[in-house]
C-alpha atoms as a PDB file:
ATOM      1  CA  MET A   1       3.653 -19.446   7.688  1.00  0.00           C
ATOM      2  CA  ASN A   2       6.593 -19.991   5.385  1.00  0.00           C
ATOM      3  CA  GLU A   3       8.594 -16.956   4.380  1.00  0.00           C
ATOM      4  CA  PRO A   4       6.709 -15.140   1.618  1.00  0.00           C
ATOM      5  CA  PHE A   5       8.077 -13.813  -1.645  1.00  0.00           C
ATOM      6  CA  TRP A   6       9.221 -10.251  -0.954  1.00  0.00           C
ATOM      7  CA  ILE A   7       9.036  -7.355  -3.376  1.00  0.00           C
ATOM      8  CA  ARG A   8      12.437  -6.043  -4.403  1.00  0.00           C
ATOM      9  CA  GLN A   9      13.075  -2.320  -4.348  1.00  0.00           C
ATOM     10  CA  ASP A  10      14.036  -2.248  -8.037  1.00  0.00           C
ATOM     11  CA  VAL A  11      10.624  -3.754  -8.857  1.00  0.00           C
ATOM     12  CA  ILE A  12       8.888  -0.987  -6.891  1.00  0.00           C
ATOM     13  CA  LEU A  13      10.964   1.657  -8.690  1.00  0.00           C
ATOM     14  CA  ALA A  14      10.040   0.194 -12.102  1.00  0.00           C
ATOM     15  CA  PHE A  15       6.371  -0.164 -11.076  1.00  0.00           C
ATOM     16  CA  HIS A  16       6.370   3.482  -9.922  1.00  0.00           C
ATOM     17  CA  GLU A  17       7.772   4.619 -13.275  1.00  0.00           C
ATOM     18  CA  ARG A  18       5.073   2.650 -15.074  1.00  0.00           C
ATOM     19  CA  LEU A  19       2.308   4.153 -12.933  1.00  0.00           C
ATOM     20  CA  LEU A  20       3.627   7.651 -13.611  1.00  0.00           C
ATOM     21  CA  SER A  21       3.804   7.031 -17.343  1.00  0.00           C
ATOM     22  CA  GLU A  22       0.183   5.814 -17.340  1.00  0.00           C
ATOM     23  CA  HIS A  23      -1.339   8.325 -14.907  1.00  0.00           C
ATOM     24  CA  GLY A  24       1.052  11.277 -14.819  1.00  0.00           C
ATOM     25  CA  GLY A  25       3.110  12.876 -12.102  1.00  0.00           C
ATOM     26  CA  SER A  26       6.671  13.880 -11.327  1.00  0.00           C
ATOM     27  CA  ALA A  27       9.347  11.200 -11.271  1.00  0.00           C
ATOM     28  CA  GLY A  28      11.998  10.749  -8.618  1.00  0.00           C
ATOM     29  CA  LEU A  29      12.675   9.835  -5.022  1.00  0.00           C
ATOM     30  CA  ARG A  30      12.529  12.488  -2.322  1.00  0.00           C
ATOM     31  CA  GLU A  31      14.750  10.380  -0.092  1.00  0.00           C
ATOM     32  CA  PRO A  32      16.002   6.847  -0.896  1.00  0.00           C
ATOM     33  CA  GLY A  33      16.185   5.992   2.809  1.00  0.00           C
ATOM     34  CA  LEU A  34      12.441   6.516   3.153  1.00  0.00           C
ATOM     35  CA  LEU A  35      11.776   3.894   0.477  1.00  0.00           C
ATOM     36  CA  GLU A  36      14.286   1.493   2.032  1.00  0.00           C
ATOM     37  CA  SER A  37      12.589   1.910   5.395  1.00  0.00           C
ATOM     38  CA  ALA A  38       9.133   1.285   3.914  1.00  0.00           C
ATOM     39  CA  MET A  39      10.368  -1.809   2.090  1.00  0.00           C
ATOM     40  CA  GLU A  40      11.833  -3.277   5.280  1.00  0.00           C
ATOM     41  CA  ARG A  41       8.661  -2.823   7.380  1.00  0.00           C
ATOM     42  CA  PRO A  42       7.031  -6.079   6.232  1.00  0.00           C
ATOM     43  CA  ARG A  43      10.253  -8.069   6.726  1.00  0.00           C
ATOM     44  CA  ASN A  44      10.591  -6.674  10.224  1.00  0.00           C
ATOM     45  CA  LEU A  45       6.966  -7.513  10.977  1.00  0.00           C
ATOM     46  CA  PHE A  46       7.531 -11.056   9.695  1.00  0.00           C
ATOM     47  CA  ALA A  47      10.706 -11.493  11.774  1.00  0.00           C
ATOM     48  CA  TYR A  48       9.243 -10.290  15.067  1.00  0.00           C
ATOM     49  CA  SER A  49       5.584 -11.344  15.006  1.00  0.00           C
ATOM     50  CA  ASN A  50       3.221 -13.836  13.432  1.00  0.00           C
ATOM     51  CA  PRO A  51       1.573 -11.816  10.628  1.00  0.00           C
ATOM     52  CA  THR A  52      -0.749 -12.964   7.871  1.00  0.00           C
ATOM     53  CA  LEU A  53      -0.056 -12.171   4.235  1.00  0.00           C
ATOM     54  CA  HIS A  54      -2.708  -9.455   4.524  1.00  0.00           C
ATOM     55  CA  ASP A  55      -0.809  -7.895   7.426  1.00  0.00           C
ATOM     56  CA  LEU A  56       2.368  -7.875   5.363  1.00  0.00           C
ATOM     57  CA  ALA A  57       0.614  -6.405   2.318  1.00  0.00           C
ATOM     58  CA  ALA A  58      -0.851  -3.664   4.507  1.00  0.00           C
ATOM     59  CA  SER A  59       2.611  -3.020   5.910  1.00  0.00           C
ATOM     60  CA  TYR A  60       3.983  -2.380   2.404  1.00  0.00           C
ATOM     61  CA  GLY A  61       1.152   0.010   1.614  1.00  0.00           C
ATOM     62  CA  TYR A  62       1.260   1.770   4.961  1.00  0.00           C
ATOM     63  CA  GLY A  63       5.048   2.174   4.876  1.00  0.00           C
ATOM     64  CA  ILE A  64       5.166   3.696   1.409  1.00  0.00           C
ATOM     65  CA  ILE A  65       2.136   5.941   1.875  1.00  0.00           C
ATOM     66  CA  GLN A  66       3.244   7.254   5.272  1.00  0.00           C
ATOM     67  CA  ASN A  67       6.982   7.562   4.481  1.00  0.00           C
ATOM     68  CA  HIS A  68       6.192   9.422   1.237  1.00  0.00           C
ATOM     69  CA  PRO A  69       9.515   8.490  -0.417  1.00  0.00           C
ATOM     70  CA  PHE A  70       8.568   9.563  -3.959  1.00  0.00           C
ATOM     71  CA  ILE A  71       8.045  13.065  -5.284  1.00  0.00           C
ATOM     72  CA  ASP A  72       4.657  11.992  -6.673  1.00  0.00           C
ATOM     73  CA  GLY A  73       2.466   8.893  -6.788  1.00  0.00           C
ATOM     74  CA  ASN A  74       3.018   7.609  -3.233  1.00  0.00           C
ATOM     75  CA  LYS A  75      -0.597   6.564  -2.720  1.00  0.00           C
ATOM     76  CA  ARG A  76      -0.722   4.797  -6.077  1.00  0.00           C
ATOM     77  CA  ILE A  77       2.501   2.881  -5.559  1.00  0.00           C
ATOM     78  CA  GLY A  78       1.663   2.145  -1.903  1.00  0.00           C
ATOM     79  CA  MET A  79      -1.597   0.452  -2.832  1.00  0.00           C
ATOM     80  CA  GLY A  80       0.057  -1.098  -5.876  1.00  0.00           C
ATOM     81  CA  ALA A  81       2.798  -2.594  -3.708  1.00  0.00           C
ATOM     82  CA  ALA A  82       0.228  -4.109  -1.349  1.00  0.00           C
ATOM     83  CA  VAL A  83      -1.691  -5.673  -4.249  1.00  0.00           C
ATOM     84  CA  LEU A  84       1.502  -6.861  -5.950  1.00  0.00           C
ATOM     85  CA  PHE A  85       2.687  -8.506  -2.727  1.00  0.00           C
ATOM     86  CA  LEU A  86      -0.581 -10.417  -2.407  1.00  0.00           C
ATOM     87  CA  GLU A  87      -0.471 -11.514  -6.030  1.00  0.00           C
ATOM     88  CA  VAL A  88       3.122 -12.775  -5.988  1.00  0.00           C
ATOM     89  CA  ASN A  89       2.159 -14.773  -2.917  1.00  0.00           C
ATOM     90  CA  ALA A  90      -0.789 -16.458  -4.676  1.00  0.00           C
ATOM     91  CA  MET A  91      -3.486 -14.323  -3.042  1.00  0.00           C
ATOM     92  CA  ARG A  92      -6.223 -12.505  -4.906  1.00  0.00           C
ATOM     93  CA  PHE A  93      -6.995  -8.856  -4.217  1.00  0.00           C
ATOM     94  CA  THR A  94     -10.788  -8.620  -4.157  1.00  0.00           C
ATOM     95  CA  ALA A  95     -11.517  -5.052  -3.042  1.00  0.00           C
ATOM     96  CA  THR A  96     -13.376  -2.812  -5.431  1.00  0.00           C
ATOM     97  CA  GLU A  97     -11.461   0.099  -6.885  1.00  0.00           C
ATOM     98  CA  GLU A  98     -13.708   2.527  -5.000  1.00  0.00           C
ATOM     99  CA  ASP A  99     -13.065   0.865  -1.638  1.00  0.00           C
ATOM    100  CA  ALA A 100      -9.319   0.718  -2.257  1.00  0.00           C
ATOM    101  CA  VAL A 101      -9.223   4.405  -3.243  1.00  0.00           C
ATOM    102  CA  LEU A 102     -11.266   5.536  -0.238  1.00  0.00           C
ATOM    103  CA  ARG A 103      -9.096   3.627   2.247  1.00  0.00           C
ATOM    104  CA  THR A 104      -5.872   4.756   0.584  1.00  0.00           C
ATOM    105  CA  LEU A 105      -6.921   8.420   0.711  1.00  0.00           C
ATOM    106  CA  ALA A 106      -7.955   8.071   4.344  1.00  0.00           C
ATOM    107  CA  LEU A 107      -4.633   6.453   5.185  1.00  0.00           C
ATOM    108  CA  ALA A 108      -2.731   9.211   3.408  1.00  0.00           C
ATOM    109  CA  ALA A 109      -4.721  11.798   5.369  1.00  0.00           C
ATOM    110  CA  ARG A 110      -3.758   9.848   8.519  1.00  0.00           C
ATOM    111  CA  ARG A 111      -7.427   9.216   9.270  1.00  0.00           C
ATOM    112  CA  ASP A 112      -6.982   5.525   8.809  1.00  0.00           C
ATOM    113  CA  GLU A 113      -4.745   2.888  10.265  1.00  0.00           C
ATOM    114  CA  ARG A 114      -2.896  -0.131   9.013  1.00  0.00           C
ATOM    115  CA  VAL A 115      -5.715  -2.278  10.430  1.00  0.00           C
ATOM    116  CA  ARG A 116      -8.195  -0.751   8.002  1.00  0.00           C
ATOM    117  CA  LEU A 117      -5.806  -1.159   5.070  1.00  0.00           C
ATOM    118  CA  ARG A 118      -5.440  -4.806   6.095  1.00  0.00           C
ATOM    119  CA  ARG A 119      -9.249  -5.084   5.918  1.00  0.00           C
ATOM    120  CA  VAL A 120      -9.131  -3.709   2.373  1.00  0.00           C
ATOM    121  CA  ALA A 121      -6.498  -6.311   1.468  1.00  0.00           C
ATOM    122  CA  ARG A 122      -8.793  -9.021   2.818  1.00  0.00           C
ATOM    123  CA  GLY A 123     -11.822  -7.658   0.978  1.00  0.00           C
ATOM    124  CA  GLU A 124     -13.667  -6.806   4.201  1.00  0.00           C
ATOM    125  CA  PHE A 125     -15.549  -3.516   4.245  1.00  0.00           C
ATOM    126  CA  PRO A 126     -18.123  -2.026   6.592  1.00  0.00           C
ATOM    127  CA  PRO A 127     -21.404  -1.140   4.835  1.00  0.00           C
ATOM    128  CA  SER A 128     -20.825   2.569   5.445  1.00  0.00           C
ATOM    129  CA  LEU A 129     -17.433   2.620   3.718  1.00  0.00           C
ATOM    130  CA  THR A 130     -18.677   3.387   0.238  1.00  0.00           C
ATOM    131  CA  SER A 131     -21.204   5.929   1.440  1.00  0.00           C
ATOM    132  CA  ALA A 132     -18.528   8.203   2.928  1.00  0.00           C
ATOM    133  CA  PRO A 133     -18.023  11.233   0.684  1.00  0.00           C
ATOM    134  CA  LEU A 134     -14.668  11.234  -1.051  1.00  0.00           C
ATOM    135  CA  ARG A 135     -14.185  14.920  -0.322  1.00  0.00           C
ATOM    136  CA  ALA A 136     -14.441  14.378   3.441  1.00  0.00           C
ATOM    137  CA  LEU A 137     -11.680  11.783   3.317  1.00  0.00           C
ATOM    138  CA  ALA A 138      -9.404  13.915   1.148  1.00  0.00           C
ATOM    139  CA  ASP A 139      -9.713  17.106   3.249  1.00  0.00           C
END
C-alpha cells in the first residue's frame, strides 16, 4: 500500500470545535501530548507493519478514545477521525449510525478492542451487535 493521506492535528482540533458547537460540550485539551500520541499511532502502525486503511482508521479512533486528550467529546472526535481518515483516502464508511455508536461506547468502556472498531470501519457486524442494549455497553 502506498502511504495514505494523514489527518493533521490542526484539522482534528477544528473538527472537534465543530462537533462541540453542533452537539455541545466543554472545549479544550486535557493534555496536548495525549492528542499527539493518538495522532502518531496510525503512522507508527504504518511504519512497522502492513496495515489496511481500515486498520489505520481504527488506530485513529482507538488512540483518541483511549487517550482521552480532550475535556469533552473524545468518543465523537475519535469516531469522526476514523471516518474522516477513510474518506480522505477514497474509502466509504458504510456502518450504520447505531452500529458505530454501540462500538464506540463499548470501546470507550474498554469492553471492545481495536479489532472490533476495525470491523465497524469495514462495515462488518455480527447479527447480535444491534440487539445488545445500549445501557449494558455504557455501564
